[in-house]
N, C-alpha and C. Protein backbone atom coordinates (compact mmCIF):
# COMPACT_ATOMS: atom_id res chain seq x y z
N MET A 1 42.45 1.77 -142.10
CA MET A 1 42.45 2.22 -140.71
C MET A 1 43.73 1.77 -140.00
N ILE A 2 44.21 2.62 -139.16
CA ILE A 2 45.36 2.32 -138.31
C ILE A 2 44.91 2.57 -136.88
N ASN A 3 44.91 1.53 -136.06
CA ASN A 3 44.51 1.70 -134.66
C ASN A 3 43.15 2.37 -134.52
N LYS A 4 42.23 1.99 -135.38
CA LYS A 4 40.88 2.57 -135.42
C LYS A 4 40.87 4.05 -135.77
N ILE A 5 41.93 4.50 -136.42
CA ILE A 5 42.01 5.88 -136.89
C ILE A 5 41.83 5.85 -138.40
N LYS A 6 40.92 6.62 -138.91
CA LYS A 6 40.72 6.68 -140.35
C LYS A 6 41.93 7.33 -141.00
N LEU A 7 42.31 6.80 -142.15
CA LEU A 7 43.47 7.35 -142.85
C LEU A 7 43.28 8.82 -143.18
N GLU A 8 42.06 9.23 -143.47
CA GLU A 8 41.81 10.64 -143.76
C GLU A 8 42.12 11.53 -142.55
N GLU A 9 41.91 11.01 -141.34
CA GLU A 9 42.25 11.76 -140.13
C GLU A 9 43.75 11.98 -140.00
N LEU A 10 44.52 11.13 -140.68
CA LEU A 10 45.98 11.23 -140.64
C LEU A 10 46.53 11.98 -141.85
N GLY A 11 45.63 12.57 -142.63
CA GLY A 11 46.07 13.37 -143.76
C GLY A 11 46.19 12.62 -145.07
N PHE A 12 45.85 11.35 -145.08
CA PHE A 12 45.90 10.57 -146.31
C PHE A 12 44.61 10.81 -147.09
N THR A 13 44.58 11.92 -147.80
CA THR A 13 43.40 12.31 -148.56
C THR A 13 43.82 13.05 -149.82
N HIS A 14 43.01 12.93 -150.83
CA HIS A 14 43.26 13.68 -152.06
C HIS A 14 42.47 14.98 -152.09
N LYS A 15 41.65 15.15 -151.03
CA LYS A 15 40.89 16.38 -150.91
C LYS A 15 41.88 17.54 -150.75
N ASN A 16 41.71 18.57 -151.47
CA ASN A 16 42.54 19.79 -151.49
C ASN A 16 44.02 19.54 -151.79
N LEU A 17 44.35 18.42 -152.42
CA LEU A 17 45.74 18.07 -152.70
C LEU A 17 46.41 19.10 -153.60
N LEU A 18 45.78 19.44 -154.71
CA LEU A 18 46.40 20.40 -155.62
C LEU A 18 46.59 21.76 -154.97
N PHE A 19 45.61 22.19 -154.21
CA PHE A 19 45.73 23.47 -153.49
C PHE A 19 46.86 23.41 -152.47
N ALA A 20 46.97 22.29 -151.77
CA ALA A 20 48.03 22.12 -150.77
C ALA A 20 49.40 22.11 -151.43
N ILE A 21 49.53 21.43 -152.57
CA ILE A 21 50.82 21.40 -153.28
C ILE A 21 51.17 22.80 -153.78
N LYS A 22 50.19 23.50 -154.34
CA LYS A 22 50.44 24.87 -154.80
C LYS A 22 50.89 25.76 -153.65
N ASN A 23 50.38 25.49 -152.45
CA ASN A 23 50.74 26.30 -151.29
C ASN A 23 52.15 26.00 -150.79
N VAL A 24 52.56 24.75 -150.81
CA VAL A 24 53.88 24.39 -150.30
C VAL A 24 54.97 24.56 -151.37
N LEU A 25 54.58 24.67 -152.61
CA LEU A 25 55.55 24.76 -153.70
C LEU A 25 56.48 25.98 -153.62
N PRO A 26 55.99 27.18 -153.31
CA PRO A 26 56.92 28.32 -153.21
C PRO A 26 58.03 28.11 -152.17
N ALA A 27 57.68 27.59 -151.01
CA ALA A 27 58.70 27.34 -149.98
C ALA A 27 59.66 26.24 -150.45
N THR A 28 59.12 25.22 -151.10
CA THR A 28 59.95 24.12 -151.59
C THR A 28 60.93 24.62 -152.65
N ILE A 29 60.43 25.38 -153.60
CA ILE A 29 61.30 25.91 -154.66
C ILE A 29 62.31 26.90 -154.08
N GLY A 30 61.86 27.76 -153.17
CA GLY A 30 62.77 28.71 -152.55
C GLY A 30 63.90 28.03 -151.80
N LEU A 31 63.56 27.01 -151.03
CA LEU A 31 64.61 26.29 -150.29
C LEU A 31 65.50 25.49 -151.22
N ALA A 32 64.94 24.94 -152.29
CA ALA A 32 65.76 24.22 -153.28
C ALA A 32 66.76 25.18 -153.91
N ILE A 33 66.33 26.40 -154.20
CA ILE A 33 67.23 27.41 -154.77
C ILE A 33 68.34 27.77 -153.77
N LEU A 34 67.99 27.91 -152.49
CA LEU A 34 69.01 28.18 -151.47
C LEU A 34 70.02 27.03 -151.37
N ILE A 35 69.53 25.81 -151.45
CA ILE A 35 70.43 24.65 -151.42
C ILE A 35 71.37 24.68 -152.63
N LEU A 36 70.82 24.97 -153.81
CA LEU A 36 71.64 25.03 -155.01
C LEU A 36 72.66 26.17 -154.94
N LEU A 37 72.24 27.32 -154.40
CA LEU A 37 73.19 28.43 -154.22
C LEU A 37 74.30 28.05 -153.26
N HIS A 38 73.95 27.38 -152.17
CA HIS A 38 74.97 26.92 -151.23
C HIS A 38 75.96 25.99 -151.93
N TYR A 39 75.42 25.11 -152.74
CA TYR A 39 76.28 24.17 -153.49
C TYR A 39 77.20 24.92 -154.45
N LEU A 40 76.66 25.90 -155.17
CA LEU A 40 77.46 26.66 -156.14
C LEU A 40 78.54 27.49 -155.45
N LEU A 41 78.23 28.03 -154.27
CA LEU A 41 79.17 28.89 -153.57
C LEU A 41 80.17 28.12 -152.71
N LYS A 42 79.72 27.05 -152.09
CA LYS A 42 80.56 26.33 -151.12
C LYS A 42 80.95 24.94 -151.58
N GLY A 43 80.25 24.39 -152.56
CA GLY A 43 80.55 23.04 -153.03
C GLY A 43 79.88 21.99 -152.16
N THR A 44 80.26 20.77 -152.39
CA THR A 44 79.69 19.63 -151.68
C THR A 44 80.25 19.54 -150.27
N ARG A 45 79.37 19.30 -149.31
CA ARG A 45 79.80 19.15 -147.91
C ARG A 45 79.95 17.68 -147.53
N ILE A 46 79.14 16.85 -148.14
CA ILE A 46 79.11 15.42 -147.82
C ILE A 46 79.18 14.65 -149.12
N ASP A 47 79.87 13.51 -149.12
CA ASP A 47 79.97 12.68 -150.32
C ASP A 47 78.57 12.34 -150.83
N ASN A 48 78.30 12.73 -152.04
CA ASN A 48 76.97 12.50 -152.61
C ASN A 48 76.99 11.49 -153.74
N SER A 49 77.96 10.61 -153.74
CA SER A 49 78.06 9.61 -154.80
C SER A 49 77.22 8.38 -154.44
N LEU A 50 75.94 8.61 -154.27
CA LEU A 50 75.03 7.53 -153.90
C LEU A 50 74.43 6.90 -155.14
N HIS A 51 74.04 5.66 -155.01
CA HIS A 51 73.41 4.95 -156.11
C HIS A 51 71.99 5.45 -156.32
N TRP A 52 71.50 5.29 -157.53
CA TRP A 52 70.16 5.77 -157.88
C TRP A 52 69.09 5.16 -157.00
N TYR A 53 69.29 3.94 -156.50
CA TYR A 53 68.25 3.31 -155.69
C TYR A 53 68.11 3.97 -154.31
N PHE A 54 69.14 4.69 -153.86
CA PHE A 54 68.98 5.43 -152.61
C PHE A 54 67.93 6.52 -152.77
N TYR A 55 67.91 7.16 -153.93
CA TYR A 55 66.91 8.19 -154.18
C TYR A 55 65.49 7.60 -154.21
N LEU A 56 65.36 6.41 -154.75
CA LEU A 56 64.06 5.72 -154.71
C LEU A 56 63.66 5.43 -153.27
N PHE A 57 64.63 5.01 -152.47
CA PHE A 57 64.37 4.76 -151.05
C PHE A 57 63.91 6.05 -150.37
N LEU A 58 64.59 7.15 -150.65
CA LEU A 58 64.22 8.44 -150.06
C LEU A 58 62.78 8.82 -150.44
N ILE A 59 62.46 8.73 -151.72
CA ILE A 59 61.16 9.16 -152.21
C ILE A 59 60.02 8.26 -151.74
N PHE A 60 60.24 6.96 -151.76
CA PHE A 60 59.14 6.03 -151.50
C PHE A 60 59.10 5.44 -150.10
N VAL A 61 60.18 5.57 -149.33
CA VAL A 61 60.20 5.01 -147.98
C VAL A 61 60.53 6.07 -146.92
N SER A 62 61.69 6.68 -147.04
CA SER A 62 62.17 7.57 -145.99
C SER A 62 61.28 8.81 -145.81
N ALA A 63 61.07 9.58 -146.87
CA ALA A 63 60.26 10.80 -146.75
C ALA A 63 58.83 10.49 -146.29
N PRO A 64 58.15 9.51 -146.90
CA PRO A 64 56.79 9.21 -146.42
C PRO A 64 56.75 8.76 -144.95
N THR A 65 57.72 7.94 -144.55
CA THR A 65 57.75 7.47 -143.16
C THR A 65 57.99 8.62 -142.19
N GLN A 66 58.95 9.48 -142.51
CA GLN A 66 59.23 10.62 -141.64
C GLN A 66 58.03 11.55 -141.54
N GLU A 67 57.40 11.82 -142.67
CA GLU A 67 56.24 12.71 -142.64
C GLU A 67 55.06 12.10 -141.88
N PHE A 68 54.89 10.80 -142.01
CA PHE A 68 53.84 10.14 -141.25
C PHE A 68 54.12 10.29 -139.75
N LEU A 69 55.35 10.02 -139.34
CA LEU A 69 55.69 10.06 -137.92
C LEU A 69 55.70 11.49 -137.36
N TYR A 70 56.41 12.40 -138.04
CA TYR A 70 56.63 13.74 -137.48
C TYR A 70 55.54 14.75 -137.77
N ARG A 71 54.68 14.46 -138.70
CA ARG A 71 53.57 15.36 -138.98
C ARG A 71 52.24 14.66 -138.69
N SER A 72 51.91 13.68 -139.46
CA SER A 72 50.58 13.05 -139.42
C SER A 72 50.23 12.43 -138.06
N TYR A 73 50.98 11.42 -137.68
CA TYR A 73 50.65 10.68 -136.45
C TYR A 73 50.88 11.54 -135.21
N LEU A 74 51.96 12.31 -135.19
CA LEU A 74 52.25 13.17 -134.04
C LEU A 74 51.15 14.20 -133.85
N PHE A 75 50.68 14.81 -134.95
CA PHE A 75 49.60 15.78 -134.85
C PHE A 75 48.34 15.11 -134.29
N HIS A 76 48.06 13.91 -134.77
CA HIS A 76 46.89 13.19 -134.28
C HIS A 76 47.01 12.90 -132.78
N LEU A 77 48.17 12.41 -132.36
CA LEU A 77 48.37 12.09 -130.93
C LEU A 77 48.27 13.33 -130.05
N LEU A 78 48.92 14.40 -130.46
CA LEU A 78 48.89 15.62 -129.65
C LEU A 78 47.48 16.22 -129.62
N SER A 79 46.76 16.14 -130.72
CA SER A 79 45.38 16.63 -130.74
C SER A 79 44.50 15.81 -129.80
N ARG A 80 44.75 14.53 -129.78
CA ARG A 80 43.96 13.61 -128.95
C ARG A 80 44.09 13.91 -127.46
N VAL A 81 45.28 14.33 -127.04
CA VAL A 81 45.51 14.61 -125.61
C VAL A 81 45.43 16.09 -125.27
N GLY A 82 45.00 16.90 -126.25
CA GLY A 82 44.79 18.32 -125.99
C GLY A 82 46.03 19.19 -126.05
N PHE A 83 47.07 18.73 -126.73
CA PHE A 83 48.30 19.51 -126.83
C PHE A 83 48.62 19.93 -128.26
N SER A 84 47.60 20.05 -129.09
CA SER A 84 47.86 20.39 -130.50
C SER A 84 48.52 21.76 -130.65
N GLN A 85 48.36 22.64 -129.67
CA GLN A 85 48.98 23.96 -129.76
C GLN A 85 50.50 23.89 -129.70
N TYR A 86 51.05 22.77 -129.24
CA TYR A 86 52.50 22.59 -129.16
C TYR A 86 53.06 21.79 -130.34
N PHE A 87 52.18 21.43 -131.25
CA PHE A 87 52.57 20.56 -132.36
C PHE A 87 53.74 21.11 -133.16
N LEU A 88 53.67 22.37 -133.58
CA LEU A 88 54.72 22.92 -134.43
C LEU A 88 56.10 22.81 -133.80
N VAL A 89 56.20 23.20 -132.55
CA VAL A 89 57.50 23.18 -131.87
C VAL A 89 57.98 21.74 -131.67
N ILE A 90 57.12 20.89 -131.17
CA ILE A 90 57.51 19.49 -130.91
C ILE A 90 57.88 18.80 -132.21
N SER A 91 57.07 18.98 -133.22
CA SER A 91 57.31 18.33 -134.50
C SER A 91 58.63 18.78 -135.11
N ALA A 92 58.89 20.07 -135.14
CA ALA A 92 60.11 20.60 -135.75
C ALA A 92 61.35 20.15 -134.98
N ILE A 93 61.28 20.16 -133.66
CA ILE A 93 62.43 19.75 -132.85
C ILE A 93 62.72 18.26 -133.03
N LEU A 94 61.69 17.44 -132.97
CA LEU A 94 61.91 15.99 -133.15
C LEU A 94 62.45 15.68 -134.54
N TYR A 95 61.90 16.33 -135.55
CA TYR A 95 62.36 16.11 -136.92
C TYR A 95 63.83 16.53 -137.06
N SER A 96 64.18 17.67 -136.51
CA SER A 96 65.55 18.14 -136.57
C SER A 96 66.49 17.22 -135.78
N PHE A 97 66.03 16.77 -134.62
CA PHE A 97 66.84 15.90 -133.76
C PHE A 97 67.27 14.62 -134.48
N VAL A 98 66.39 14.07 -135.29
CA VAL A 98 66.72 12.86 -136.04
C VAL A 98 67.92 13.08 -136.96
N HIS A 99 68.09 14.31 -137.41
CA HIS A 99 69.19 14.63 -138.31
C HIS A 99 70.48 14.98 -137.57
N ALA A 100 70.48 14.83 -136.26
CA ALA A 100 71.69 15.08 -135.47
C ALA A 100 72.79 14.08 -135.80
N ILE A 101 72.44 12.99 -136.44
CA ILE A 101 73.45 11.99 -136.82
C ILE A 101 74.50 12.58 -137.77
N TYR A 102 74.17 13.69 -138.41
CA TYR A 102 75.13 14.33 -139.33
C TYR A 102 76.17 15.17 -138.59
N TRP A 103 75.95 15.43 -137.31
CA TRP A 103 76.87 16.23 -136.49
C TRP A 103 77.20 17.56 -137.17
N ASP A 104 76.17 18.27 -137.57
CA ASP A 104 76.38 19.48 -138.34
C ASP A 104 75.31 20.51 -137.98
N LEU A 105 75.74 21.68 -137.52
CA LEU A 105 74.82 22.72 -137.10
C LEU A 105 73.94 23.23 -138.25
N LEU A 106 74.52 23.40 -139.43
CA LEU A 106 73.75 23.87 -140.58
C LEU A 106 72.60 22.90 -140.90
N THR A 107 72.88 21.63 -140.87
CA THR A 107 71.85 20.62 -141.12
C THR A 107 70.75 20.71 -140.07
N LEU A 108 71.13 20.86 -138.81
CA LEU A 108 70.12 20.97 -137.75
C LEU A 108 69.26 22.22 -137.91
N LEU A 109 69.87 23.33 -138.26
CA LEU A 109 69.12 24.57 -138.46
C LEU A 109 68.20 24.46 -139.68
N PHE A 110 68.71 23.87 -140.74
CA PHE A 110 67.90 23.70 -141.95
C PHE A 110 66.70 22.79 -141.66
N THR A 111 66.95 21.65 -141.02
CA THR A 111 65.85 20.72 -140.76
C THR A 111 64.87 21.29 -139.72
N LEU A 112 65.35 22.07 -138.79
CA LEU A 112 64.44 22.72 -137.84
C LEU A 112 63.54 23.71 -138.57
N SER A 113 64.14 24.50 -139.46
CA SER A 113 63.35 25.49 -140.23
C SER A 113 62.32 24.82 -141.11
N ILE A 114 62.75 23.82 -141.87
CA ILE A 114 61.81 23.15 -142.76
C ILE A 114 60.80 22.34 -141.96
N GLY A 115 61.18 21.89 -140.78
CA GLY A 115 60.23 21.21 -139.90
C GLY A 115 59.09 22.12 -139.49
N PHE A 116 59.41 23.38 -139.21
CA PHE A 116 58.36 24.35 -138.89
C PHE A 116 57.46 24.60 -140.11
N ILE A 117 58.07 24.74 -141.27
CA ILE A 117 57.30 25.00 -142.49
C ILE A 117 56.36 23.83 -142.79
N TRP A 118 56.90 22.61 -142.78
CA TRP A 118 56.07 21.44 -143.07
C TRP A 118 55.03 21.21 -141.99
N GLY A 119 55.39 21.47 -140.74
CA GLY A 119 54.42 21.33 -139.66
C GLY A 119 53.26 22.30 -139.81
N TYR A 120 53.59 23.55 -140.11
CA TYR A 120 52.55 24.55 -140.33
C TYR A 120 51.67 24.15 -141.51
N HIS A 121 52.32 23.72 -142.56
CA HIS A 121 51.57 23.33 -143.76
C HIS A 121 50.63 22.16 -143.45
N TYR A 122 51.16 21.15 -142.76
CA TYR A 122 50.31 20.01 -142.43
C TYR A 122 49.16 20.43 -141.51
N GLN A 123 49.46 21.22 -140.53
CA GLN A 123 48.45 21.68 -139.58
C GLN A 123 47.34 22.45 -140.30
N HIS A 124 47.72 23.21 -141.30
CA HIS A 124 46.75 24.04 -142.02
C HIS A 124 45.94 23.23 -143.04
N PHE A 125 46.59 22.34 -143.78
CA PHE A 125 45.92 21.64 -144.89
C PHE A 125 45.50 20.21 -144.56
N LYS A 126 46.07 19.61 -143.53
CA LYS A 126 45.77 18.21 -143.16
C LYS A 126 45.91 17.28 -144.36
N ASN A 127 46.96 17.49 -145.14
CA ASN A 127 47.21 16.66 -146.31
C ASN A 127 48.67 16.22 -146.29
N ILE A 128 48.89 14.95 -146.03
CA ILE A 128 50.25 14.44 -145.89
C ILE A 128 50.96 14.30 -147.23
N TYR A 129 50.20 14.09 -148.30
CA TYR A 129 50.81 13.90 -149.61
C TYR A 129 51.59 15.14 -150.08
N SER A 130 51.07 16.31 -149.81
CA SER A 130 51.76 17.53 -150.24
C SER A 130 53.08 17.70 -149.48
N VAL A 131 53.10 17.33 -148.21
CA VAL A 131 54.31 17.45 -147.42
C VAL A 131 55.33 16.38 -147.85
N ILE A 132 54.85 15.19 -148.16
CA ILE A 132 55.73 14.13 -148.67
C ILE A 132 56.36 14.57 -149.99
N PHE A 133 55.56 15.19 -150.85
CA PHE A 133 56.07 15.69 -152.14
C PHE A 133 57.20 16.70 -151.90
N SER A 134 56.97 17.66 -151.03
CA SER A 134 57.96 18.68 -150.74
C SER A 134 59.22 18.06 -150.12
N HIS A 135 59.03 17.16 -149.17
CA HIS A 135 60.15 16.50 -148.49
C HIS A 135 60.98 15.71 -149.50
N SER A 136 60.31 14.98 -150.38
CA SER A 136 61.02 14.17 -151.38
C SER A 136 61.83 15.05 -152.31
N LEU A 137 61.23 16.11 -152.79
CA LEU A 137 61.91 17.02 -153.72
C LEU A 137 63.12 17.67 -153.06
N LEU A 138 62.93 18.22 -151.87
CA LEU A 138 64.06 18.87 -151.18
C LEU A 138 65.13 17.85 -150.77
N GLY A 139 64.69 16.66 -150.38
CA GLY A 139 65.65 15.62 -150.02
C GLY A 139 66.54 15.24 -151.19
N VAL A 140 65.95 15.08 -152.35
CA VAL A 140 66.73 14.74 -153.54
C VAL A 140 67.73 15.85 -153.86
N VAL A 141 67.27 17.10 -153.81
CA VAL A 141 68.18 18.22 -154.11
C VAL A 141 69.29 18.30 -153.05
N ALA A 142 68.93 18.17 -151.78
CA ALA A 142 69.92 18.27 -150.70
C ALA A 142 70.96 17.15 -150.77
N ILE A 143 70.53 15.95 -151.10
CA ILE A 143 71.48 14.84 -151.17
C ILE A 143 72.31 14.90 -152.45
N ALA A 144 71.66 15.25 -153.56
CA ALA A 144 72.39 15.32 -154.83
C ALA A 144 73.47 16.40 -154.80
N THR A 145 73.24 17.47 -154.06
CA THR A 145 74.24 18.55 -153.97
C THR A 145 75.22 18.35 -152.81
N GLY A 146 75.02 17.31 -152.03
CA GLY A 146 75.93 17.03 -150.93
C GLY A 146 75.67 17.84 -149.69
N LEU A 147 74.49 18.47 -149.57
CA LEU A 147 74.16 19.20 -148.34
C LEU A 147 73.87 18.20 -147.22
N LEU A 148 73.17 17.14 -147.54
CA LEU A 148 72.88 16.07 -146.57
C LEU A 148 73.45 14.76 -147.05
C-alpha cells in the first residue's frame, strides 16, 4: 500500500498482463521501427556511447519511475478529484515536458505522441507493467540509436 492506496489500484497487477502487452506491442514495435528508420536515414543525433549500466538504470529505475508518476499515480489523483477525463492530455504534456531538457522539437513531439499512446493504454488496461515494458524497450532503442 502507498498512502492507503492498494497497489492494484495503481496498476500493479498481473491481471490481464499478457493481453495488455499484446495490445501495446504493435505500437511499441511500430515506433521502434520508426526510430530505427530515422537512425538509418539521418544517423545519430545525440552521443549514444553510454555504458551498459545506464541501460539497466533506464529499464529498472527510470522507466518504472516515470510510468508510475505520469500514468499510474497521476491517473489515480485525477480520478480522485473528478478530472480523469483530462488524464490523457495532462499526462502526455507532463511526460513530454520532462524531456524538454534535450532542447529538441522532435524529441518533444515524439514523447508527446508516445505519452498519449501510453496514457490511453494505461487508462484502458490499468496495468502499469505493460507500459513499463513498452517504455523500457523504446527507451533502449531510442538511446542506442542516438535519438535520445
